[in-house]
Amino acid sequence: MDASPFPQGYPISRRVQQIPASGIRRFFDLLASIDGVISLGVGEPDFVTPWTIREAAIHSISKGQTNYTSNYGTLELRTAIARHLEARYGVSYHPEREILVTVGVSEAMDLAMRAIVDPGDEVLAPDPAYVSYGPCATLAGGTVVPVPTSQFHDFKLQANELERRITPKSKVAVLGFPSNPTGAVMEWEDLEQIAAVAERHNLLVISDEIYDRLVYGVEHTCFAALPRMQERTILLGGFSKAYAMTGWRVGYAAAPAPILEAMMKVHQYVTMCASTMSQAAAVEALKRAEPDVQDMVASYDRRRRLIVAAFNDMGLRCFEPRGAFYAFPSIEITGLSSEDFAERLLVEEKVAVVPGSAFGACGEGFVRCCYATSMDEIKEAVVRIGRFVDRHRAGPK
């Protein structure tokens, strides 16, 4: 039914009208209409959730643990998360006051924004960055201020670029490293400079560290572990990527108690709590799935090296991503826009990638390629991409 009973059309919120539909989703819809596609588009592990984790959820259900949990999440899971963070990064959080279990990190990001952002507050975020950061800030009433990053600096956020964009309205800086879409990693010395800016201008920091376990040849730095940063940081983490648990929808936030309590207020009215059986599975992941994580990381590393070398060999300049499971090659030599490249590649060679422009203006001229797929599919995909690049090397015909 197309007709609206309202003379001016249905009264959709202005904030919702301001945010664009996800550029990633549009390509997934297009992909579904074409047979025989090799997808380098979906940012999802190709591994099945390890059996020990699945078994824990099954056992939870068999015992009848199918009721709501505390709004904060089960104390068992919060305690396990606190122990995990202290053991890995030396940051100490009280499980009863400073940790909240969420429906994935996406919900945690939304809660963080709504808990701390007032209308007119400015939220600084890297460009390119994950597609939800800007819309979450907008929906909270904030104004998004993109901070450009570039291949020249391996897409690391530069402290001087961040500081240059700070105004009296600046309230929050968002970090997302290892990065989706670029695979960039910020090491301790890089983040120290960001921390100095945050301290100098009294910024809160939301640090999305969902890919913390997927790093190659470097150590992940937890932003809250830097001196004096824990008290101004909302640390977001989860289980989707490292434990191949995307569909389980369980993440967490760790933050100073007053901020955590504000986030919980929103959470209790929006979702009540994360799935009970998913929380049981997450406890098992932290207790016993470390060997599985290591095996998956080693496999991703082999695929990473193969795809990056292939891109550089065919002339698609690609810096070495040191985290997550994405490569972000430049398509400059084709003369095509990111959207044209992705659309034509899908139609002509049946390979799906995501245009870099879906992640911000600084993503134009690049495409995101997820290597969380089989080695055989990656090998075939780069052959097809190579043919495509050869045809379009001089620009569009």
Foldseek 3Di string as FASTA:
>chain_A
DPDDPDPVDDDDDPLVVPADDFLLVVLVVVLVVDPPFQELADQFFPDDQDPLLVVLLVVCVVVVVFDFDALQADLLLLVLVQVVCCVQAVDHFDSVFFKGKFQALLLVLLLLLLLPDAAAAEEEEEPQADLSNQSSNSVSNYHYDYQYAAVVVLRQGALVSVLVPDDLRYAEYEAEPVGVPALAHQDPVRLVSNVVSCVVNVHAYEYECQFQLQFAPGHHHQSCSPPPNQQRYWYKYQQCALRSPVVQRIIMIGHPRVSVVSSSVVSCVPPNGRGNSSSSSSSSCSVPVVVVSVVLSVQLVVLQVVLQVLCVVLPFHWDRNGTRFKTKTFLVQLQDWQVVLQVCLCVPQSYHWRQLCSRPPNSIRIIIGGSSDDSVSSVSSSVSVSVVCVVRRNYDD
